[in-house]
Amino acid sequence: MSPHQHILDWLSDVASDLHAVRQDIHAHPELGFEENRTSALVAQSLRSWGYEVHTGIGQTGVVGVLRNGSGARKLGIRADMDALPIIENTGASYSSQHAGCMHACGHDGHTTMLLGAARYLAATRQFDGTLNLIFQPAEEGQGGAEAMLADGLLERFPCDALFGMHNMPGLPAGHLGLRVGPMMASQDLLTVTLEGVGGHGSMPHLTVDPLVAAASMVMALQTVVARNINAQEAAVDCRCVASGPGGQRDSPTSTVASEPACPGCERA
């Protein structure tokens, strides 16, 4: 018998509850620093299991504290809560009810996983010390972790060790991916603006077309990873959608956009 069979047995008893929580969060996605409903759900659940709950950390972040025994060690476990500005078209019965917003990165699952761990740890109390369960807002580029740190997260809730995890599509269910050192990519965001001279489509020779320059630039940037990064190191160059004046993504065929912007990121 697996030494963790008692955990699996407990999980099987509450699996339907956790599925319902995950589907509820998925149906009500919230963007970064707007996770008011999700934070309230998290806080209410933690309180019902006996946690000391702290809200409003980093605006919409939540921390649940549980102490057991006399141990001095402090363990932190972290999950993120925010969704993405994406239109959901999955057809799932629990699809997003918020137009233009979707849990497409799995943070609904991350939040549910930590809530499941919180419930198990509160029910079994098989630890000696302090648990700090951290529910972070605004992971998707808005600096939610930085906001929580600025609010004194680690001074108020010090941790001897701090753990987090992320879903990994393609990894079989029931498996964990571990390694020494960095596990997933960080990113640096940048926006390049190319200025041109607009004009009529019938007289392209009188224009300076920044779209052609942008197309050439995108292709050239692909060689950064291929020809400038050590082959033993991991890096990704990601180019996003170009936009014209006023943020429009499509320009009339009779005109040339004067300032297309090409946002993207470098991941290493």
C-alpha atoms as a PDB file:
ATOM      1  CA  MET A   1       0.000   0.000   0.000  1.00  0.00           C
ATOM      2  CA  SER A   2       1.221   3.485  -0.816  1.00  0.00           C
ATOM      3  CA  PRO A   3       2.465   5.462   2.217  1.00  0.00           C
ATOM      4  CA  HIS A   4       0.213   8.257   0.968  1.00  0.00           C
ATOM      5  CA  GLN A   5      -2.886   6.107   0.583  1.00  0.00           C
ATOM      6  CA  HIS A   6      -4.591   7.863   3.493  1.00  0.00           C
ATOM      7  CA  ILE A   7      -4.272  11.168   1.607  1.00  0.00           C
ATOM      8  CA  LEU A   8      -5.713   9.637  -1.550  1.00  0.00           C
ATOM      9  CA  ASP A   9      -8.587   8.149   0.433  1.00  0.00           C
ATOM     10  CA  TRP A  10      -9.328  11.538   2.010  1.00  0.00           C
ATOM     11  CA  LEU A  11      -9.180  13.238  -1.391  1.00  0.00           C
ATOM     12  CA  SER A  12     -11.621  10.750  -2.874  1.00  0.00           C
ATOM     13  CA  ASP A  13     -14.106  11.699  -0.177  1.00  0.00           C
ATOM     14  CA  VAL A  14     -13.910  15.432  -0.959  1.00  0.00           C
ATOM     15  CA  ALA A  15     -13.191  15.256  -4.700  1.00  0.00           C
ATOM     16  CA  SER A  16     -16.708  16.303  -5.691  1.00  0.00           C
ATOM     17  CA  ASP A  17     -16.462  19.337  -3.415  1.00  0.00           C
ATOM     18  CA  LEU A  18     -13.142  20.391  -4.947  1.00  0.00           C
ATOM     19  CA  HIS A  19     -14.474  19.877  -8.477  1.00  0.00           C
ATOM     20  CA  ALA A  20     -17.397  22.145  -7.657  1.00  0.00           C
ATOM     21  CA  VAL A  21     -15.082  24.827  -6.252  1.00  0.00           C
ATOM     22  CA  ARG A  22     -12.819  24.741  -9.288  1.00  0.00           C
ATOM     23  CA  GLN A  23     -15.735  24.935 -11.714  1.00  0.00           C
ATOM     24  CA  ASP A  24     -17.288  27.794  -9.745  1.00  0.00           C
ATOM     25  CA  ILE A  25     -14.038  29.779  -9.865  1.00  0.00           C
ATOM     26  CA  HIS A  26     -13.658  28.969 -13.560  1.00  0.00           C
ATOM     27  CA  ALA A  27     -17.165  30.246 -14.283  1.00  0.00           C
ATOM     28  CA  HIS A  28     -16.431  33.516 -12.478  1.00  0.00           C
ATOM     29  CA  PRO A  29     -12.935  34.562 -13.615  1.00  0.00           C
ATOM     30  CA  GLU A  30     -11.491  37.878 -12.456  1.00  0.00           C
ATOM     31  CA  LEU A  31      -8.541  39.836 -13.812  1.00  0.00           C
ATOM     32  CA  GLY A  32      -5.548  40.909 -11.769  1.00  0.00           C
ATOM     33  CA  PHE A  33      -6.331  43.051  -8.704  1.00  0.00           C
ATOM     34  CA  GLU A  34     -10.049  42.477  -9.394  1.00  0.00           C
ATOM     35  CA  GLU A  35     -10.269  39.056  -7.697  1.00  0.00           C
ATOM     36  CA  ASN A  36     -12.841  40.225  -5.157  1.00  0.00           C
ATOM     37  CA  ARG A  37     -15.236  37.299  -5.502  1.00  0.00           C
ATOM     38  CA  THR A  38     -12.426  34.747  -5.595  1.00  0.00           C
ATOM     39  CA  SER A  39     -10.716  36.293  -2.561  1.00  0.00           C
ATOM     40  CA  ALA A  40     -13.990  36.246  -0.638  1.00  0.00           C
ATOM     41  CA  LEU A  41     -14.523  32.576  -1.500  1.00  0.00           C
ATOM     42  CA  VAL A  42     -10.976  31.743  -0.372  1.00  0.00           C
ATOM     43  CA  ALA A  43     -11.293  33.714   2.860  1.00  0.00           C
ATOM     44  CA  GLN A  44     -14.673  32.200   3.738  1.00  0.00           C
ATOM     45  CA  SER A  45     -13.382  28.666   3.127  1.00  0.00           C
ATOM     46  CA  LEU A  46     -10.251  29.193   5.228  1.00  0.00           C
ATOM     47  CA  ARG A  47     -12.223  30.643   8.127  1.00  0.00           C
ATOM     48  CA  SER A  48     -14.622  27.690   8.076  1.00  0.00           C
ATOM     49  CA  TRP A  49     -11.636  25.352   8.532  1.00  0.00           C
ATOM     50  CA  GLY A  50     -10.200  27.280  11.454  1.00  0.00           C
ATOM     51  CA  TYR A  51      -7.562  29.429   9.769  1.00  0.00           C
ATOM     52  CA  GLU A  52      -6.617  32.898  10.901  1.00  0.00           C
ATOM     53  CA  VAL A  53      -7.403  34.894   7.756  1.00  0.00           C
ATOM     54  CA  HIS A  54      -5.795  38.113   6.529  1.00  0.00           C
ATOM     55  CA  THR A  55      -7.250  39.885   3.489  1.00  0.00           C
ATOM     56  CA  GLY A  56      -6.370  42.920   1.396  1.00  0.00           C
ATOM     57  CA  ILE A  57      -2.670  42.053   1.175  1.00  0.00           C
ATOM     58  CA  GLY A  58      -1.416  43.369  -2.150  1.00  0.00           C
ATOM     59  CA  GLN A  59      -4.960  44.719  -2.707  1.00  0.00           C
ATOM     60  CA  THR A  60      -6.839  41.440  -3.201  1.00  0.00           C
ATOM     61  CA  GLY A  61      -4.404  38.887  -1.789  1.00  0.00           C
ATOM     62  CA  VAL A  62      -5.312  36.517   1.048  1.00  0.00           C
ATOM     63  CA  VAL A  63      -3.165  34.737   3.637  1.00  0.00           C
ATOM     64  CA  GLY A  64      -4.427  31.931   5.847  1.00  0.00           C
ATOM     65  CA  VAL A  65      -2.431  31.038   8.977  1.00  0.00           C
ATOM     66  CA  LEU A  66      -2.753  27.756  10.870  1.00  0.00           C
ATOM     67  CA  ARG A  67      -0.646  26.806  13.902  1.00  0.00           C
ATOM     68  CA  ASN A  68      -0.253  23.377  15.421  1.00  0.00           C
ATOM     69  CA  GLY A  69       1.962  22.016  18.164  1.00  0.00           C
ATOM     70  CA  SER A  70       4.969  23.888  19.532  1.00  0.00           C
ATOM     71  CA  GLY A  71       7.281  23.807  16.524  1.00  0.00           C
ATOM     72  CA  ALA A  72       9.069  26.989  15.481  1.00  0.00           C
ATOM     73  CA  ARG A  73       9.243  26.176  11.779  1.00  0.00           C
ATOM     74  CA  LYS A  74       7.115  28.153   9.363  1.00  0.00           C
ATOM     75  CA  LEU A  75       6.077  26.807   5.962  1.00  0.00           C
ATOM     76  CA  GLY A  76       4.550  28.852   3.150  1.00  0.00           C
ATOM     77  CA  ILE A  77       2.506  27.502   0.229  1.00  0.00           C
ATOM     78  CA  ARG A  78       1.418  29.843  -2.562  1.00  0.00           C
ATOM     79  CA  ALA A  79      -1.167  29.831  -5.363  1.00  0.00           C
ATOM     80  CA  ASP A  80      -2.340  32.498  -7.825  1.00  0.00           C
ATOM     81  CA  MET A  81      -5.959  33.517  -8.422  1.00  0.00           C
ATOM     82  CA  ASP A  82      -6.258  35.807 -11.475  1.00  0.00           C
ATOM     83  CA  ALA A  83      -7.596  35.070 -14.949  1.00  0.00           C
ATOM     84  CA  LEU A  84      -6.730  36.337 -18.442  1.00  0.00           C
ATOM     85  CA  PRO A  85      -8.514  38.751 -20.831  1.00  0.00           C
ATOM     86  CA  ILE A  86      -9.469  35.952 -23.225  1.00  0.00           C
ATOM     87  CA  ILE A  87     -12.842  34.984 -24.710  1.00  0.00           C
ATOM     88  CA  GLU A  88     -13.742  31.427 -23.703  1.00  0.00           C
ATOM     89  CA  ASN A  89     -15.111  29.159 -26.405  1.00  0.00           C
ATOM     90  CA  THR A  90     -14.745  25.741 -24.780  1.00  0.00           C
ATOM     91  CA  GLY A  91     -18.434  24.886 -24.585  1.00  0.00           C
ATOM     92  CA  ALA A  92     -17.959  23.577 -21.041  1.00  0.00           C
ATOM     93  CA  SER A  93     -20.985  23.651 -18.773  1.00  0.00           C
ATOM     94  CA  TYR A  94     -18.995  25.843 -16.387  1.00  0.00           C
ATOM     95  CA  SER A  95     -17.669  28.238 -19.047  1.00  0.00           C
ATOM     96  CA  SER A  96     -16.847  31.798 -18.096  1.00  0.00           C
ATOM     97  CA  GLN A  97     -19.835  33.976 -17.278  1.00  0.00           C
ATOM     98  CA  HIS A  98     -17.698  37.105 -17.583  1.00  0.00           C
ATOM     99  CA  ALA A  99     -17.390  38.280 -21.185  1.00  0.00           C
ATOM    100  CA  GLY A 100     -13.816  38.571 -22.375  1.00  0.00           C
ATOM    101  CA  CYS A 101     -12.328  36.934 -19.285  1.00  0.00           C
ATOM    102  CA  MET A 102     -11.232  33.316 -18.853  1.00  0.00           C
ATOM    103  CA  HIS A 103      -9.169  31.085 -16.597  1.00  0.00           C
ATOM    104  CA  ALA A 104      -6.995  29.980 -19.510  1.00  0.00           C
ATOM    105  CA  CYS A 105      -3.788  29.518 -17.484  1.00  0.00           C
ATOM    106  CA  GLY A 106      -5.232  27.233 -14.825  1.00  0.00           C
ATOM    107  CA  HIS A 107      -5.237  29.556 -11.839  1.00  0.00           C
ATOM    108  CA  ASP A 108      -8.708  28.274 -10.987  1.00  0.00           C
ATOM    109  CA  GLY A 109      -7.047  24.906 -10.548  1.00  0.00           C
ATOM    110  CA  HIS A 110      -4.136  26.365  -8.555  1.00  0.00           C
ATOM    111  CA  THR A 111      -6.505  28.104  -6.134  1.00  0.00           C
ATOM    112  CA  THR A 112      -8.553  24.932  -5.723  1.00  0.00           C
ATOM    113  CA  MET A 113      -5.437  22.822  -5.168  1.00  0.00           C
ATOM    114  CA  LEU A 114      -4.285  25.055  -2.317  1.00  0.00           C
ATOM    115  CA  LEU A 115      -7.793  25.139  -0.856  1.00  0.00           C
ATOM    116  CA  GLY A 116      -7.784  21.339  -0.966  1.00  0.00           C
ATOM    117  CA  ALA A 117      -4.423  21.264   0.820  1.00  0.00           C
ATOM    118  CA  ALA A 118      -5.713  23.799   3.348  1.00  0.00           C
ATOM    119  CA  ARG A 119      -8.743  21.664   4.108  1.00  0.00           C
ATOM    120  CA  TYR A 120      -6.671  18.484   4.481  1.00  0.00           C
ATOM    121  CA  LEU A 121      -4.052  20.093   6.724  1.00  0.00           C
ATOM    122  CA  ALA A 122      -6.736  21.634   8.945  1.00  0.00           C
ATOM    123  CA  ALA A 123      -8.580  18.318   9.206  1.00  0.00           C
ATOM    124  CA  THR A 124      -5.548  16.144   9.993  1.00  0.00           C
ATOM    125  CA  ARG A 125      -3.203  18.582  11.791  1.00  0.00           C
ATOM    126  CA  GLN A 126      -0.270  16.299  10.963  1.00  0.00           C
ATOM    127  CA  PHE A 127       2.360  19.013  11.230  1.00  0.00           C
ATOM    128  CA  ASP A 128       4.213  20.854  13.969  1.00  0.00           C
ATOM    129  CA  GLY A 129       4.673  24.569  13.415  1.00  0.00           C
ATOM    130  CA  THR A 130       2.996  27.312  11.398  1.00  0.00           C
ATOM    131  CA  LEU A 131       1.418  27.166   7.961  1.00  0.00           C
ATOM    132  CA  ASN A 132       1.139  30.333   5.881  1.00  0.00           C
ATOM    133  CA  LEU A 133      -1.095  29.748   2.862  1.00  0.00           C
ATOM    134  CA  ILE A 134      -0.659  32.581   0.360  1.00  0.00           C
ATOM    135  CA  PHE A 135      -3.255  33.322  -2.327  1.00  0.00           C
ATOM    136  CA  GLN A 136      -1.679  35.819  -4.711  1.00  0.00           C
ATOM    137  CA  PRO A 137      -3.528  38.233  -7.006  1.00  0.00           C
ATOM    138  CA  ALA A 138      -2.391  39.579 -10.370  1.00  0.00           C
ATOM    139  CA  GLU A 139       0.200  37.013 -11.397  1.00  0.00           C
ATOM    140  CA  GLU A 140      -0.368  37.678 -15.094  1.00  0.00           C
ATOM    141  CA  GLY A 141       2.058  40.546 -15.518  1.00  0.00           C
ATOM    142  CA  GLN A 142       0.585  43.136 -13.135  1.00  0.00           C
ATOM    143  CA  GLY A 143       2.991  42.528 -10.269  1.00  0.00           C
ATOM    144  CA  GLY A 144       0.777  40.863  -7.694  1.00  0.00           C
ATOM    145  CA  ALA A 145       3.709  39.244  -5.893  1.00  0.00           C
ATOM    146  CA  GLU A 146       5.490  42.595  -5.697  1.00  0.00           C
ATOM    147  CA  ALA A 147       2.344  44.202  -4.282  1.00  0.00           C
ATOM    148  CA  MET A 148       2.071  41.566  -1.551  1.00  0.00           C
ATOM    149  CA  LEU A 149       5.749  41.951  -0.679  1.00  0.00           C
ATOM    150  CA  ALA A 150       5.328  45.719  -0.509  1.00  0.00           C
ATOM    151  CA  ASP A 151       2.533  45.121   2.009  1.00  0.00           C
ATOM    152  CA  GLY A 152       5.006  43.285   4.227  1.00  0.00           C
ATOM    153  CA  LEU A 153       4.025  39.725   3.310  1.00  0.00           C
ATOM    154  CA  LEU A 154       7.210  38.014   4.454  1.00  0.00           C
ATOM    155  CA  GLU A 155       7.709  40.318   7.444  1.00  0.00           C
ATOM    156  CA  ARG A 156       4.200  39.619   8.690  1.00  0.00           C
ATOM    157  CA  PHE A 157       4.202  35.943   7.694  1.00  0.00           C
ATOM    158  CA  PRO A 158       7.842  34.769   7.688  1.00  0.00           C
ATOM    159  CA  CYS A 159       8.545  31.420   6.055  1.00  0.00           C
ATOM    160  CA  ASP A 160      11.507  29.089   6.499  1.00  0.00           C
ATOM    161  CA  ALA A 161      10.556  27.589   3.130  1.00  0.00           C
ATOM    162  CA  LEU A 162       8.029  28.676   0.537  1.00  0.00           C
ATOM    163  CA  PHE A 163       6.520  26.370  -2.086  1.00  0.00           C
ATOM    164  CA  GLY A 164       4.409  26.927  -5.175  1.00  0.00           C
ATOM    165  CA  MET A 165       3.417  24.845  -8.167  1.00  0.00           C
ATOM    166  CA  HIS A 166       1.980  25.304 -11.642  1.00  0.00           C
ATOM    167  CA  ASN A 167      -0.014  22.986 -13.834  1.00  0.00           C
ATOM    168  CA  MET A 168       1.923  21.534 -16.765  1.00  0.00           C
ATOM    169  CA  PRO A 169      -0.120  20.481 -19.825  1.00  0.00           C
ATOM    170  CA  GLY A 170       1.321  17.259 -21.190  1.00  0.00           C
ATOM    171  CA  LEU A 171       2.529  15.952 -17.835  1.00  0.00           C
ATOM    172  CA  PRO A 172       0.451  12.877 -16.915  1.00  0.00           C
ATOM    173  CA  ALA A 173      -2.062  13.294 -14.108  1.00  0.00           C
ATOM    174  CA  GLY A 174      -0.631  12.236 -10.779  1.00  0.00           C
ATOM    175  CA  HIS A 175       2.948  13.186 -11.697  1.00  0.00           C
ATOM    176  CA  LEU A 176       5.051  16.094 -10.400  1.00  0.00           C
ATOM    177  CA  GLY A 177       7.898  17.749 -12.284  1.00  0.00           C
ATOM    178  CA  LEU A 178      10.875  18.693 -10.094  1.00  0.00           C
ATOM    179  CA  ARG A 179      14.374  19.991 -10.760  1.00  0.00           C
ATOM    180  CA  VAL A 180      17.245  21.786  -9.058  1.00  0.00           C
ATOM    181  CA  GLY A 181      17.328  25.494  -9.934  1.00  0.00           C
ATOM    182  CA  PRO A 182      14.801  27.467 -12.005  1.00  0.00           C
ATOM    183  CA  MET A 183      11.828  25.427 -13.158  1.00  0.00           C
ATOM    184  CA  MET A 184       9.775  27.834 -15.259  1.00  0.00           C
ATOM    185  CA  ALA A 185      10.451  30.977 -17.269  1.00  0.00           C
ATOM    186  CA  SER A 186      10.518  34.561 -16.108  1.00  0.00           C
ATOM    187  CA  GLN A 187       9.848  37.317 -18.598  1.00  0.00           C
ATOM    188  CA  ASP A 188      10.905  40.795 -19.607  1.00  0.00           C
ATOM    189  CA  LEU A 189       8.224  42.784 -21.445  1.00  0.00           C
ATOM    190  CA  LEU A 190       9.007  45.327 -24.125  1.00  0.00           C
ATOM    191  CA  THR A 191       7.166  47.438 -26.687  1.00  0.00           C
ATOM    192  CA  VAL A 192       8.805  48.676 -29.881  1.00  0.00           C
ATOM    193  CA  THR A 193       7.156  51.580 -31.731  1.00  0.00           C
ATOM    194  CA  LEU A 194       7.993  52.127 -35.398  1.00  0.00           C
ATOM    195  CA  GLU A 195       7.103  55.531 -36.835  1.00  0.00           C
ATOM    196  CA  GLY A 196       6.275  55.856 -40.516  1.00  0.00           C
ATOM    197  CA  VAL A 197       4.568  58.243 -42.914  1.00  0.00           C
ATOM    198  CA  GLY A 198       0.971  57.470 -43.856  1.00  0.00           C
ATOM    199  CA  GLY A 199      -0.587  57.884 -47.259  1.00  0.00           C
ATOM    200  CA  HIS A 200      -2.994  56.503 -49.830  1.00  0.00           C
ATOM    201  CA  GLY A 201      -2.758  52.914 -50.956  1.00  0.00           C
ATOM    202  CA  SER A 202      -2.516  54.013 -54.597  1.00  0.00           C
ATOM    203  CA  MET A 203       0.719  55.951 -53.903  1.00  0.00           C
ATOM    204  CA  PRO A 204       2.833  53.707 -51.673  1.00  0.00           C
ATOM    205  CA  HIS A 205       6.011  55.349 -52.987  1.00  0.00           C
ATOM    206  CA  LEU A 206       5.090  58.489 -51.047  1.00  0.00           C
ATOM    207  CA  THR A 207       4.746  56.634 -47.759  1.00  0.00           C
ATOM    208  CA  VAL A 208       7.124  55.106 -45.279  1.00  0.00           C
ATOM    209  CA  ASP A 209       5.454  51.838 -44.382  1.00  0.00           C
ATOM    210  CA  PRO A 210       6.285  50.745 -40.834  1.00  0.00           C
ATOM    211  CA  LEU A 211       4.384  47.481 -41.286  1.00  0.00           C
ATOM    212  CA  VAL A 212       7.012  46.173 -43.682  1.00  0.00           C
ATOM    213  CA  ALA A 213       9.729  47.206 -41.255  1.00  0.00           C
ATOM    214  CA  ALA A 214       7.850  45.560 -38.388  1.00  0.00           C
ATOM    215  CA  ALA A 215       7.505  42.314 -40.375  1.00  0.00           C
ATOM    216  CA  SER A 216      11.243  42.301 -41.064  1.00  0.00           C
ATOM    217  CA  MET A 217      11.982  43.040 -37.422  1.00  0.00           C
ATOM    218  CA  VAL A 218       9.819  40.165 -36.192  1.00  0.00           C
ATOM    219  CA  MET A 219      11.652  37.717 -38.458  1.00  0.00           C
ATOM    220  CA  ALA A 220      15.051  39.084 -37.439  1.00  0.00           C
ATOM    221  CA  LEU A 221      14.219  38.784 -33.739  1.00  0.00           C
ATOM    222  CA  GLN A 222      13.697  35.063 -34.178  1.00  0.00           C
ATOM    223  CA  THR A 223      17.439  34.729 -34.761  1.00  0.00           C
ATOM    224  CA  VAL A 224      18.248  36.115 -31.311  1.00  0.00           C
ATOM    225  CA  VAL A 225      17.557  32.767 -29.663  1.00  0.00           C
ATOM    226  CA  ALA A 226      18.916  30.722 -32.578  1.00  0.00           C
ATOM    227  CA  ARG A 227      22.181  32.619 -33.029  1.00  0.00           C
ATOM    228  CA  ASN A 228      22.871  34.642 -29.883  1.00  0.00           C
ATOM    229  CA  ILE A 229      21.881  32.410 -26.961  1.00  0.00           C
ATOM    230  CA  ASN A 230      24.016  29.538 -25.729  1.00  0.00           C
ATOM    231  CA  ALA A 231      22.420  26.315 -26.928  1.00  0.00           C
ATOM    232  CA  GLN A 232      22.719  24.934 -23.390  1.00  0.00           C
ATOM    233  CA  GLU A 233      20.523  27.718 -22.024  1.00  0.00           C
ATOM    234  CA  ALA A 234      16.737  28.026 -22.288  1.00  0.00           C
ATOM    235  CA  ALA A 235      15.155  31.097 -23.879  1.00  0.00           C
ATOM    236  CA  VAL A 236      12.017  31.949 -25.836  1.00  0.00           C
ATOM    237  CA  ASP A 237      11.351  34.993 -28.020  1.00  0.00           C
ATOM    238  CA  CYS A 238       7.621  35.698 -28.161  1.00  0.00           C
ATOM    239  CA  ARG A 239       6.153  38.252 -30.555  1.00  0.00           C
ATOM    240  CA  CYS A 240       2.584  39.365 -30.014  1.00  0.00           C
ATOM    241  CA  VAL A 241       0.007  41.092 -32.203  1.00  0.00           C
ATOM    242  CA  ALA A 242       0.972  44.354 -33.850  1.00  0.00           C
ATOM    243  CA  SER A 243      -1.455  47.250 -33.487  1.00  0.00           C
ATOM    244  CA  GLY A 244      -1.983  50.476 -35.377  1.00  0.00           C
ATOM    245  CA  PRO A 245      -2.926  53.969 -34.170  1.00  0.00           C
ATOM    246  CA  GLY A 246      -5.254  54.032 -31.181  1.00  0.00           C
ATOM    247  CA  GLY A 247      -4.653  50.350 -30.519  1.00  0.00           C
ATOM    248  CA  GLN A 248      -6.493  49.177 -33.656  1.00  0.00           C
ATOM    249  CA  ARG A 249      -5.235  45.830 -34.837  1.00  0.00           C
ATOM    250  CA  ASP A 250      -6.343  46.235 -38.445  1.00  0.00           C
ATOM    251  CA  SER A 251      -5.722  49.210 -40.694  1.00  0.00           C
ATOM    252  CA  PRO A 252      -7.800  50.069 -43.783  1.00  0.00           C
ATOM    253  CA  THR A 253      -6.179  48.859 -46.980  1.00  0.00           C
ATOM    254  CA  SER A 254      -6.136  52.401 -48.368  1.00  0.00           C
ATOM    255  CA  THR A 255      -3.932  53.739 -45.585  1.00  0.00           C
ATOM    256  CA  VAL A 256      -0.671  52.903 -43.917  1.00  0.00           C
ATOM    257  CA  ALA A 257      -0.453  52.873 -40.123  1.00  0.00           C
ATOM    258  CA  SER A 258       1.923  55.526 -38.910  1.00  0.00           C
ATOM    259  CA  GLU A 259       2.882  54.027 -35.553  1.00  0.00           C
ATOM    260  CA  PRO A 260       2.427  50.260 -35.280  1.00  0.00           C
ATOM    261  CA  ALA A 261       3.435  48.868 -31.902  1.00  0.00           C
ATOM    262  CA  CYS A 262       4.755  45.362 -31.507  1.00  0.00           C
ATOM    263  CA  PRO A 263       4.521  44.206 -27.872  1.00  0.00           C
ATOM    264  CA  GLY A 264       6.338  41.048 -26.930  1.00  0.00           C
ATOM    265  CA  CYS A 265       8.476  39.401 -24.327  1.00  0.00           C
ATOM    266  CA  GLU A 266      11.740  37.618 -23.802  1.00  0.00           C
ATOM    267  CA  ARG A 267      11.602  34.573 -21.545  1.00  0.00           C
ATOM    268  CA  ALA A 268      14.668  32.978 -20.009  1.00  0.00           C
END
